[in-house]
Amino acid sequence: MLAALFAAALFSPPLQGDDLTRDVLVNVCLPFVGGEKDRAPAEFLGFTVVSEEGPVVEMESGDAVTRSGGDRIAKYMLQLADDEGDDDGEVLRACTLQGRTIDFASARGAVRRPLEQAGFVAEPTTSANRALWTKGAVTVSVRQAEGRATVVRVTYTSTEE
């Protein structure tokens, strides 16, 4: 029996802090800041568009939580913003995921491994509730202000190339 447990432990996938955060980073945010405009990966992960104004699309997850006042809010909010530089020539793309039910450590744990595998470098930070990775013109940050939702933000700016 002990051998069976040991074998199962060897073949079980590593624990992730938050699978949806990781999946949004890998399948939605990194491709989006790289220039892909397809929303199908976000929709496949359960996100629906709640507003679209100019270059900004706001989406929310299908699952929700009930707050103390009885209001239901989506567990995750996703914003895709794309400024193609029409005014100033600078291209800026940002993908922001707000996790309302996860903590900082879970979000950081979910994105760390995929970012390191993709060649991102962890940058030193002085804050215990902020993590930062960079690769070329792309920056990924995870942060959480006290009492607030955890935010994963992926940005690309042409001025960093």
N, C-alpha and C. Protein backbone atom coordinates (compact mmCIF):
# COMPACT_ATOMS: atom_id res chain seq x y z
N MET A 1 0.81 -1.19 0.00
CA MET A 1 0.00 0.00 0.00
C MET A 1 0.86 1.25 0.00
N LEU A 2 1.91 1.25 0.79
CA LEU A 2 2.81 2.39 0.84
C LEU A 2 3.45 2.63 -0.52
N ALA A 3 3.78 1.57 -1.22
CA ALA A 3 4.36 1.70 -2.56
C ALA A 3 3.38 2.34 -3.52
N ALA A 4 2.09 2.01 -3.39
CA ALA A 4 1.07 2.59 -4.27
C ALA A 4 0.94 4.09 -4.00
N LEU A 5 0.98 4.50 -2.74
CA LEU A 5 0.91 5.93 -2.41
C LEU A 5 2.13 6.68 -2.93
N PHE A 6 3.30 6.06 -2.80
CA PHE A 6 4.52 6.68 -3.29
C PHE A 6 4.47 6.84 -4.81
N ALA A 7 3.99 5.81 -5.50
CA ALA A 7 3.88 5.87 -6.96
C ALA A 7 2.88 6.93 -7.38
N ALA A 8 1.78 7.04 -6.67
CA ALA A 8 0.78 8.06 -7.00
C ALA A 8 1.35 9.46 -6.80
N ALA A 9 2.14 9.63 -5.77
CA ALA A 9 2.75 10.94 -5.51
C ALA A 9 3.73 11.32 -6.61
N LEU A 10 4.44 10.34 -7.15
CA LEU A 10 5.39 10.61 -8.22
C LEU A 10 4.70 11.06 -9.50
N PHE A 11 3.50 10.54 -9.75
CA PHE A 11 2.84 10.81 -11.01
C PHE A 11 1.73 11.86 -10.92
N SER A 12 1.52 12.41 -9.75
CA SER A 12 0.50 13.45 -9.65
C SER A 12 1.10 14.78 -10.10
N PRO A 13 0.29 15.62 -10.77
CA PRO A 13 0.80 16.91 -11.23
C PRO A 13 1.14 17.81 -10.04
N PRO A 14 2.05 18.75 -10.24
CA PRO A 14 2.39 19.64 -9.13
C PRO A 14 1.20 20.51 -8.76
N LEU A 15 1.10 20.84 -7.49
CA LEU A 15 0.02 21.69 -7.03
C LEU A 15 0.20 23.10 -7.56
N GLN A 16 -0.87 23.70 -8.00
CA GLN A 16 -0.85 25.08 -8.46
C GLN A 16 -1.65 25.90 -7.48
N GLY A 17 -1.22 27.14 -7.29
CA GLY A 17 -1.95 28.02 -6.40
C GLY A 17 -3.35 28.28 -6.89
N ASP A 18 -3.49 28.46 -8.18
CA ASP A 18 -4.78 28.78 -8.75
C ASP A 18 -4.72 28.46 -10.24
N ASP A 19 -5.42 27.41 -10.66
CA ASP A 19 -5.36 26.97 -12.05
C ASP A 19 -5.92 28.00 -13.02
N LEU A 20 -7.02 28.67 -12.67
CA LEU A 20 -7.60 29.63 -13.60
C LEU A 20 -6.66 30.81 -13.83
N THR A 21 -6.01 31.27 -12.79
CA THR A 21 -5.05 32.37 -12.96
C THR A 21 -3.93 31.95 -13.90
N ARG A 22 -3.40 30.77 -13.71
CA ARG A 22 -2.35 30.26 -14.59
C ARG A 22 -2.85 30.15 -16.02
N ASP A 23 -4.04 29.58 -16.20
CA ASP A 23 -4.58 29.38 -17.55
C ASP A 23 -4.84 30.71 -18.25
N VAL A 24 -5.34 31.71 -17.52
CA VAL A 24 -5.56 33.03 -18.12
C VAL A 24 -4.23 33.65 -18.52
N LEU A 25 -3.22 33.55 -17.66
CA LEU A 25 -1.90 34.08 -17.99
C LEU A 25 -1.37 33.46 -19.28
N VAL A 26 -1.35 32.13 -19.32
CA VAL A 26 -0.72 31.41 -20.43
C VAL A 26 -1.54 31.49 -21.72
N ASN A 27 -2.85 31.34 -21.62
CA ASN A 27 -3.68 31.22 -22.82
C ASN A 27 -4.33 32.52 -23.28
N VAL A 28 -4.42 33.52 -22.40
CA VAL A 28 -5.08 34.76 -22.76
C VAL A 28 -4.10 35.94 -22.72
N CYS A 29 -3.54 36.21 -21.54
CA CYS A 29 -2.74 37.43 -21.36
C CYS A 29 -1.46 37.47 -22.19
N LEU A 30 -0.63 36.44 -22.09
CA LEU A 30 0.63 36.49 -22.84
C LEU A 30 0.39 36.56 -24.35
N PRO A 31 -0.53 35.75 -24.92
CA PRO A 31 -0.81 35.92 -26.35
C PRO A 31 -1.38 37.30 -26.69
N PHE A 32 -2.26 37.83 -25.84
CA PHE A 32 -2.86 39.13 -26.11
C PHE A 32 -1.81 40.23 -26.18
N VAL A 33 -0.93 40.30 -25.18
CA VAL A 33 0.08 41.36 -25.22
C VAL A 33 1.07 41.13 -26.36
N GLY A 34 1.14 39.90 -26.85
CA GLY A 34 1.97 39.60 -28.01
C GLY A 34 1.31 39.99 -29.33
N GLY A 35 0.06 40.43 -29.28
CA GLY A 35 -0.60 40.91 -30.49
C GLY A 35 -1.79 40.10 -30.96
N GLU A 36 -2.08 38.96 -30.32
CA GLU A 36 -3.22 38.15 -30.72
C GLU A 36 -4.52 38.76 -30.19
N LYS A 37 -5.50 38.88 -31.05
CA LYS A 37 -6.76 39.54 -30.66
C LYS A 37 -7.91 38.55 -30.42
N ASP A 38 -7.65 37.28 -30.54
CA ASP A 38 -8.70 36.26 -30.42
C ASP A 38 -9.20 36.16 -28.98
N ARG A 39 -10.50 36.29 -28.79
CA ARG A 39 -11.09 36.18 -27.45
C ARG A 39 -11.53 34.76 -27.13
N ALA A 40 -11.43 33.86 -28.08
CA ALA A 40 -11.89 32.49 -27.87
C ALA A 40 -11.26 31.82 -26.66
N PRO A 41 -9.95 31.98 -26.40
CA PRO A 41 -9.38 31.34 -25.20
C PRO A 41 -10.04 31.83 -23.91
N ALA A 42 -10.33 33.13 -23.81
CA ALA A 42 -10.98 33.66 -22.61
C ALA A 42 -12.39 33.10 -22.50
N GLU A 43 -13.10 33.03 -23.61
CA GLU A 43 -14.46 32.49 -23.60
C GLU A 43 -14.44 31.01 -23.23
N PHE A 44 -13.45 30.27 -23.73
CA PHE A 44 -13.32 28.86 -23.39
C PHE A 44 -13.11 28.68 -21.88
N LEU A 45 -12.41 29.61 -21.25
CA LEU A 45 -12.16 29.55 -19.81
C LEU A 45 -13.36 30.03 -18.99
N GLY A 46 -14.45 30.42 -19.65
CA GLY A 46 -15.67 30.78 -18.95
C GLY A 46 -15.92 32.27 -18.80
N PHE A 47 -15.17 33.11 -19.48
CA PHE A 47 -15.36 34.55 -19.40
C PHE A 47 -16.35 35.02 -20.46
N THR A 48 -17.15 36.01 -20.09
CA THR A 48 -18.08 36.64 -21.02
C THR A 48 -17.86 38.14 -21.01
N VAL A 49 -18.09 38.77 -22.14
CA VAL A 49 -17.91 40.21 -22.27
C VAL A 49 -19.04 40.92 -21.54
N VAL A 50 -18.67 41.87 -20.67
CA VAL A 50 -19.67 42.68 -19.97
C VAL A 50 -19.68 44.12 -20.49
N SER A 51 -18.58 44.56 -21.08
CA SER A 51 -18.55 45.87 -21.72
C SER A 51 -17.40 45.93 -22.71
N GLU A 52 -17.62 46.76 -23.70
CA GLU A 52 -16.59 46.97 -24.72
C GLU A 52 -16.69 48.41 -25.17
N GLU A 53 -15.65 49.16 -24.84
CA GLU A 53 -15.65 50.57 -25.18
C GLU A 53 -14.31 50.91 -25.81
N GLY A 54 -14.33 51.18 -27.09
CA GLY A 54 -13.09 51.48 -27.81
C GLY A 54 -12.13 50.31 -27.73
N PRO A 55 -10.90 50.58 -27.31
CA PRO A 55 -9.90 49.51 -27.27
C PRO A 55 -9.91 48.68 -25.97
N VAL A 56 -10.91 48.89 -25.12
CA VAL A 56 -10.96 48.20 -23.82
C VAL A 56 -12.15 47.24 -23.78
N VAL A 57 -11.84 45.97 -23.49
CA VAL A 57 -12.87 44.94 -23.35
C VAL A 57 -12.83 44.45 -21.91
N GLU A 58 -13.99 44.46 -21.25
CA GLU A 58 -14.07 43.95 -19.89
C GLU A 58 -14.90 42.67 -19.89
N MET A 59 -14.37 41.65 -19.21
CA MET A 59 -15.01 40.35 -19.15
C MET A 59 -15.09 39.91 -17.69
N GLU A 60 -15.99 38.99 -17.42
CA GLU A 60 -16.04 38.41 -16.08
C GLU A 60 -16.28 36.91 -16.18
N SER A 61 -15.85 36.21 -15.14
CA SER A 61 -16.01 34.76 -15.11
C SER A 61 -17.46 34.42 -14.84
N GLY A 62 -17.86 33.24 -15.26
CA GLY A 62 -19.23 32.81 -15.07
C GLY A 62 -19.55 32.45 -13.63
N ASP A 63 -18.54 32.09 -12.87
CA ASP A 63 -18.80 31.74 -11.47
C ASP A 63 -18.79 32.99 -10.61
N ALA A 64 -19.57 32.97 -9.55
CA ALA A 64 -19.72 34.16 -8.71
C ALA A 64 -19.74 33.77 -7.24
N VAL A 65 -19.54 34.78 -6.42
CA VAL A 65 -19.65 34.62 -4.97
C VAL A 65 -20.68 35.62 -4.47
N THR A 66 -21.28 35.32 -3.32
CA THR A 66 -22.24 36.23 -2.72
C THR A 66 -21.56 37.00 -1.60
N ARG A 67 -21.64 38.31 -1.68
CA ARG A 67 -21.04 39.16 -0.65
C ARG A 67 -21.99 39.31 0.52
N SER A 68 -21.51 39.92 1.58
CA SER A 68 -22.29 40.04 2.81
C SER A 68 -23.63 40.74 2.62
N GLY A 69 -23.73 41.68 1.70
CA GLY A 69 -24.98 42.39 1.47
C GLY A 69 -25.93 41.64 0.55
N GLY A 70 -25.54 40.44 0.11
CA GLY A 70 -26.38 39.65 -0.77
C GLY A 70 -26.07 39.86 -2.25
N ASP A 71 -25.17 40.80 -2.56
CA ASP A 71 -24.79 41.03 -3.95
C ASP A 71 -23.93 39.88 -4.45
N ARG A 72 -24.16 39.48 -5.70
CA ARG A 72 -23.33 38.46 -6.32
C ARG A 72 -22.32 39.15 -7.23
N ILE A 73 -21.06 38.77 -7.09
CA ILE A 73 -20.01 39.33 -7.94
C ILE A 73 -19.22 38.18 -8.55
N ALA A 74 -18.70 38.42 -9.74
CA ALA A 74 -17.88 37.42 -10.41
C ALA A 74 -16.60 37.21 -9.62
N LYS A 75 -16.13 35.95 -9.59
CA LYS A 75 -14.88 35.66 -8.89
C LYS A 75 -13.69 36.31 -9.57
N TYR A 76 -13.76 36.45 -10.90
CA TYR A 76 -12.66 37.00 -11.67
C TYR A 76 -13.17 38.05 -12.65
N MET A 77 -12.44 39.13 -12.77
CA MET A 77 -12.68 40.16 -13.78
C MET A 77 -11.44 40.19 -14.68
N LEU A 78 -11.66 40.32 -15.97
CA LEU A 78 -10.56 40.34 -16.94
C LEU A 78 -10.74 41.56 -17.82
N GLN A 79 -9.67 42.33 -17.98
CA GLN A 79 -9.72 43.50 -18.84
C GLN A 79 -8.59 43.41 -19.86
N LEU A 80 -8.96 43.60 -21.12
CA LEU A 80 -7.99 43.62 -22.22
C LEU A 80 -8.00 45.02 -22.81
N ALA A 81 -6.87 45.70 -22.80
CA ALA A 81 -6.76 47.06 -23.32
C ALA A 81 -5.67 47.10 -24.38
N ASP A 82 -5.99 47.66 -25.53
CA ASP A 82 -5.07 47.65 -26.66
C ASP A 82 -4.98 49.03 -27.28
N ASP A 83 -3.86 49.70 -27.09
CA ASP A 83 -3.62 50.99 -27.70
C ASP A 83 -2.57 50.76 -28.78
N GLU A 84 -3.00 50.78 -30.02
CA GLU A 84 -2.10 50.49 -31.14
C GLU A 84 -1.18 51.65 -31.50
N GLY A 85 -1.22 52.72 -30.73
CA GLY A 85 -0.30 53.83 -30.97
C GLY A 85 -0.73 54.76 -32.07
N ASP A 86 -2.03 54.83 -32.34
CA ASP A 86 -2.52 55.71 -33.40
C ASP A 86 -2.17 57.17 -33.13
N ASP A 87 -2.21 57.59 -31.88
CA ASP A 87 -1.95 59.00 -31.55
C ASP A 87 -0.47 59.32 -31.43
N ASP A 88 0.28 58.48 -30.75
CA ASP A 88 1.67 58.82 -30.44
C ASP A 88 2.70 57.83 -30.99
N GLY A 89 2.25 56.78 -31.66
CA GLY A 89 3.17 55.79 -32.20
C GLY A 89 3.61 54.73 -31.21
N GLU A 90 3.28 54.90 -29.95
CA GLU A 90 3.65 53.92 -28.93
C GLU A 90 2.55 52.87 -28.79
N VAL A 91 2.92 51.61 -28.90
CA VAL A 91 1.97 50.52 -28.75
C VAL A 91 1.99 50.09 -27.29
N LEU A 92 0.80 49.98 -26.71
CA LEU A 92 0.66 49.53 -25.33
C LEU A 92 -0.50 48.56 -25.26
N ARG A 93 -0.23 47.36 -24.77
CA ARG A 93 -1.28 46.37 -24.55
C ARG A 93 -1.20 45.92 -23.10
N ALA A 94 -2.38 45.78 -22.49
CA ALA A 94 -2.42 45.35 -21.09
C ALA A 94 -3.54 44.35 -20.90
N CYS A 95 -3.25 43.33 -20.14
CA CYS A 95 -4.22 42.31 -19.77
C CYS A 95 -4.21 42.27 -18.24
N THR A 96 -5.36 42.56 -17.64
CA THR A 96 -5.43 42.64 -16.19
C THR A 96 -6.47 41.66 -15.68
N LEU A 97 -6.05 40.76 -14.81
CA LEU A 97 -6.94 39.78 -14.19
C LEU A 97 -7.07 40.13 -12.72
N GLN A 98 -8.30 40.31 -12.29
CA GLN A 98 -8.57 40.61 -10.88
C GLN A 98 -9.23 39.38 -10.27
N GLY A 99 -8.54 38.75 -9.32
CA GLY A 99 -9.06 37.58 -8.63
C GLY A 99 -9.64 37.98 -7.30
N ARG A 100 -10.95 37.92 -7.17
CA ARG A 100 -11.60 38.40 -5.95
C ARG A 100 -11.65 37.36 -4.84
N THR A 101 -11.31 36.12 -5.15
CA THR A 101 -11.40 35.07 -4.13
C THR A 101 -10.07 34.36 -3.89
N ILE A 102 -9.00 34.86 -4.47
CA ILE A 102 -7.69 34.23 -4.26
C ILE A 102 -6.77 35.20 -3.53
N ASP A 103 -5.78 34.65 -2.88
CA ASP A 103 -4.84 35.51 -2.17
C ASP A 103 -3.58 35.70 -3.00
N PHE A 104 -2.74 36.59 -2.54
CA PHE A 104 -1.51 36.94 -3.24
C PHE A 104 -0.62 35.72 -3.46
N ALA A 105 -0.41 34.92 -2.42
CA ALA A 105 0.48 33.77 -2.53
C ALA A 105 -0.03 32.77 -3.56
N SER A 106 -1.32 32.56 -3.63
CA SER A 106 -1.89 31.63 -4.62
C SER A 106 -1.68 32.13 -6.03
N ALA A 107 -1.92 33.41 -6.25
CA ALA A 107 -1.73 33.98 -7.59
C ALA A 107 -0.26 33.95 -7.99
N ARG A 108 0.61 34.34 -7.08
CA ARG A 108 2.05 34.31 -7.37
C ARG A 108 2.51 32.88 -7.68
N GLY A 109 2.04 31.93 -6.89
CA GLY A 109 2.40 30.54 -7.13
C GLY A 109 1.88 30.01 -8.45
N ALA A 110 0.73 30.49 -8.88
CA ALA A 110 0.14 30.03 -10.13
C ALA A 110 0.90 30.52 -11.35
N VAL A 111 1.48 31.72 -11.29
CA VAL A 111 2.15 32.27 -12.47
C VAL A 111 3.66 32.07 -12.48
N ARG A 112 4.24 31.81 -11.34
CA ARG A 112 5.71 31.74 -11.25
C ARG A 112 6.32 30.71 -12.20
N ARG A 113 5.87 29.49 -12.12
CA ARG A 113 6.47 28.42 -12.93
C ARG A 113 6.30 28.66 -14.44
N PRO A 114 5.10 28.96 -14.93
CA PRO A 114 4.97 29.20 -16.37
C PRO A 114 5.83 30.38 -16.85
N LEU A 115 5.95 31.42 -16.03
CA LEU A 115 6.77 32.55 -16.43
C LEU A 115 8.25 32.16 -16.49
N GLU A 116 8.72 31.45 -15.49
CA GLU A 116 10.12 31.03 -15.49
C GLU A 116 10.40 30.10 -16.66
N GLN A 117 9.46 29.21 -16.97
CA GLN A 117 9.64 28.30 -18.10
C GLN A 117 9.66 29.05 -19.43
N ALA A 118 8.99 30.20 -19.49
CA ALA A 118 8.95 31.01 -20.71
C ALA A 118 10.13 31.99 -20.79
N GLY A 119 11.02 31.96 -19.80
CA GLY A 119 12.20 32.80 -19.84
C GLY A 119 12.07 34.15 -19.16
N PHE A 120 11.00 34.37 -18.42
CA PHE A 120 10.85 35.61 -17.68
C PHE A 120 11.79 35.59 -16.47
N VAL A 121 12.26 36.75 -16.09
CA VAL A 121 13.19 36.89 -14.97
C VAL A 121 12.47 37.61 -13.83
N ALA A 122 12.55 37.03 -12.64
CA ALA A 122 11.95 37.66 -11.46
C ALA A 122 12.79 38.88 -11.09
N GLU A 123 12.11 39.99 -10.86
CA GLU A 123 12.78 41.23 -10.47
C GLU A 123 12.64 41.39 -8.96
N PRO A 124 13.66 41.90 -8.30
CA PRO A 124 13.54 42.12 -6.85
C PRO A 124 12.52 43.22 -6.56
N THR A 125 11.73 42.99 -5.54
CA THR A 125 10.78 44.02 -5.09
C THR A 125 10.96 44.20 -3.59
N THR A 126 10.58 45.36 -3.11
CA THR A 126 10.71 45.63 -1.69
C THR A 126 9.40 45.40 -0.94
N SER A 127 8.36 45.06 -1.66
CA SER A 127 7.06 44.88 -1.05
C SER A 127 6.74 43.39 -0.90
N ALA A 128 6.15 43.04 0.23
CA ALA A 128 5.79 41.65 0.48
C ALA A 128 4.52 41.24 -0.27
N ASN A 129 3.82 42.22 -0.85
CA ASN A 129 2.58 41.89 -1.55
C ASN A 129 2.66 42.30 -3.03
N ARG A 130 3.86 42.18 -3.60
CA ARG A 130 4.06 42.49 -5.01
C ARG A 130 5.18 41.61 -5.56
N ALA A 131 4.93 41.04 -6.73
CA ALA A 131 5.94 40.25 -7.43
C ALA A 131 6.00 40.74 -8.87
N LEU A 132 7.18 40.67 -9.48
CA LEU A 132 7.38 41.24 -10.80
C LEU A 132 8.32 40.37 -11.62
N TRP A 133 7.95 40.12 -12.88
CA TRP A 133 8.78 39.39 -13.82
C TRP A 133 8.85 40.18 -15.11
N THR A 134 10.00 40.10 -15.81
CA THR A 134 10.14 40.79 -17.09
C THR A 134 10.80 39.88 -18.12
N LYS A 135 10.47 40.17 -19.37
CA LYS A 135 11.12 39.52 -20.50
C LYS A 135 10.94 40.46 -21.69
N GLY A 136 12.03 41.08 -22.11
CA GLY A 136 11.94 42.03 -23.22
C GLY A 136 11.01 43.17 -22.86
N ALA A 137 10.02 43.39 -23.70
CA ALA A 137 9.09 44.50 -23.51
C ALA A 137 7.83 44.10 -22.75
N VAL A 138 7.84 42.91 -22.17
CA VAL A 138 6.67 42.41 -21.45
C VAL A 138 6.98 42.36 -19.95
N THR A 139 6.06 42.90 -19.16
CA THR A 139 6.18 42.89 -17.71
C THR A 139 4.95 42.22 -17.12
N VAL A 140 5.16 41.35 -16.14
CA VAL A 140 4.07 40.69 -15.44
C VAL A 140 4.19 41.05 -13.96
N SER A 141 3.11 41.56 -13.41
CA SER A 141 3.13 41.88 -11.98
C SER A 141 1.95 41.21 -11.29
N VAL A 142 2.19 40.82 -10.05
CA VAL A 142 1.13 40.30 -9.18
C VAL A 142 1.17 41.19 -7.95
N ARG A 143 0.01 41.68 -7.57
CA ARG A 143 -0.02 42.55 -6.39
C ARG A 143 -1.36 42.41 -5.68
N GLN A 144 -1.34 42.76 -4.41
CA GLN A 144 -2.58 42.77 -3.63
C GLN A 144 -2.44 43.81 -2.54
N ALA A 145 -3.30 44.80 -2.60
CA ALA A 145 -3.37 45.80 -1.53
C ALA A 145 -4.20 45.19 -0.40
N GLU A 146 -3.93 45.60 0.81
CA GLU A 146 -4.63 45.06 1.97
C GLU A 146 -6.14 45.24 1.82
N GLY A 147 -6.85 44.14 1.98
CA GLY A 147 -8.30 44.17 1.90
C GLY A 147 -8.86 44.23 0.49
N ARG A 148 -8.02 44.10 -0.51
CA ARG A 148 -8.44 44.22 -1.91
C ARG A 148 -8.23 42.91 -2.66
N ALA A 149 -8.73 42.88 -3.89
CA ALA A 149 -8.56 41.72 -4.75
C ALA A 149 -7.11 41.60 -5.20
N THR A 150 -6.71 40.39 -5.55
CA THR A 150 -5.39 40.15 -6.10
C THR A 150 -5.43 40.48 -7.59
N VAL A 151 -4.40 41.17 -8.08
CA VAL A 151 -4.37 41.60 -9.47
C VAL A 151 -3.12 41.05 -10.15
N VAL A 152 -3.32 40.41 -11.30
CA VAL A 152 -2.24 39.98 -12.17
C VAL A 152 -2.32 40.86 -13.41
N ARG A 153 -1.25 41.57 -13.70
CA ARG A 153 -1.25 42.50 -14.84
C ARG A 153 -0.08 42.17 -15.75
N VAL A 154 -0.39 42.01 -17.02
CA VAL A 154 0.61 41.71 -18.04
C VAL A 154 0.59 42.87 -19.03
N THR A 155 1.73 43.51 -19.23
CA THR A 155 1.79 44.65 -20.14
C THR A 155 2.90 44.49 -21.16
N TYR A 156 2.64 45.07 -22.31
CA TYR A 156 3.65 45.19 -23.36
C TYR A 156 3.66 46.64 -23.79
N THR A 157 4.85 47.22 -23.92
CA THR A 157 4.96 48.56 -24.44
C THR A 157 6.11 48.60 -25.44
N SER A 158 5.86 49.22 -26.58
CA SER A 158 6.87 49.27 -27.64
C SER A 158 8.07 50.11 -27.25
N THR A 159 7.95 50.98 -26.27
CA THR A 159 9.10 51.80 -25.86
C THR A 159 10.14 50.97 -25.12
N GLU A 160 9.78 49.78 -24.66
CA GLU A 160 10.72 48.93 -23.94
C GLU A 160 11.50 48.01 -24.87
N GLU A 161 11.18 48.01 -26.15
CA GLU A 161 11.89 47.11 -27.09
C GLU A 161 13.27 47.60 -27.38
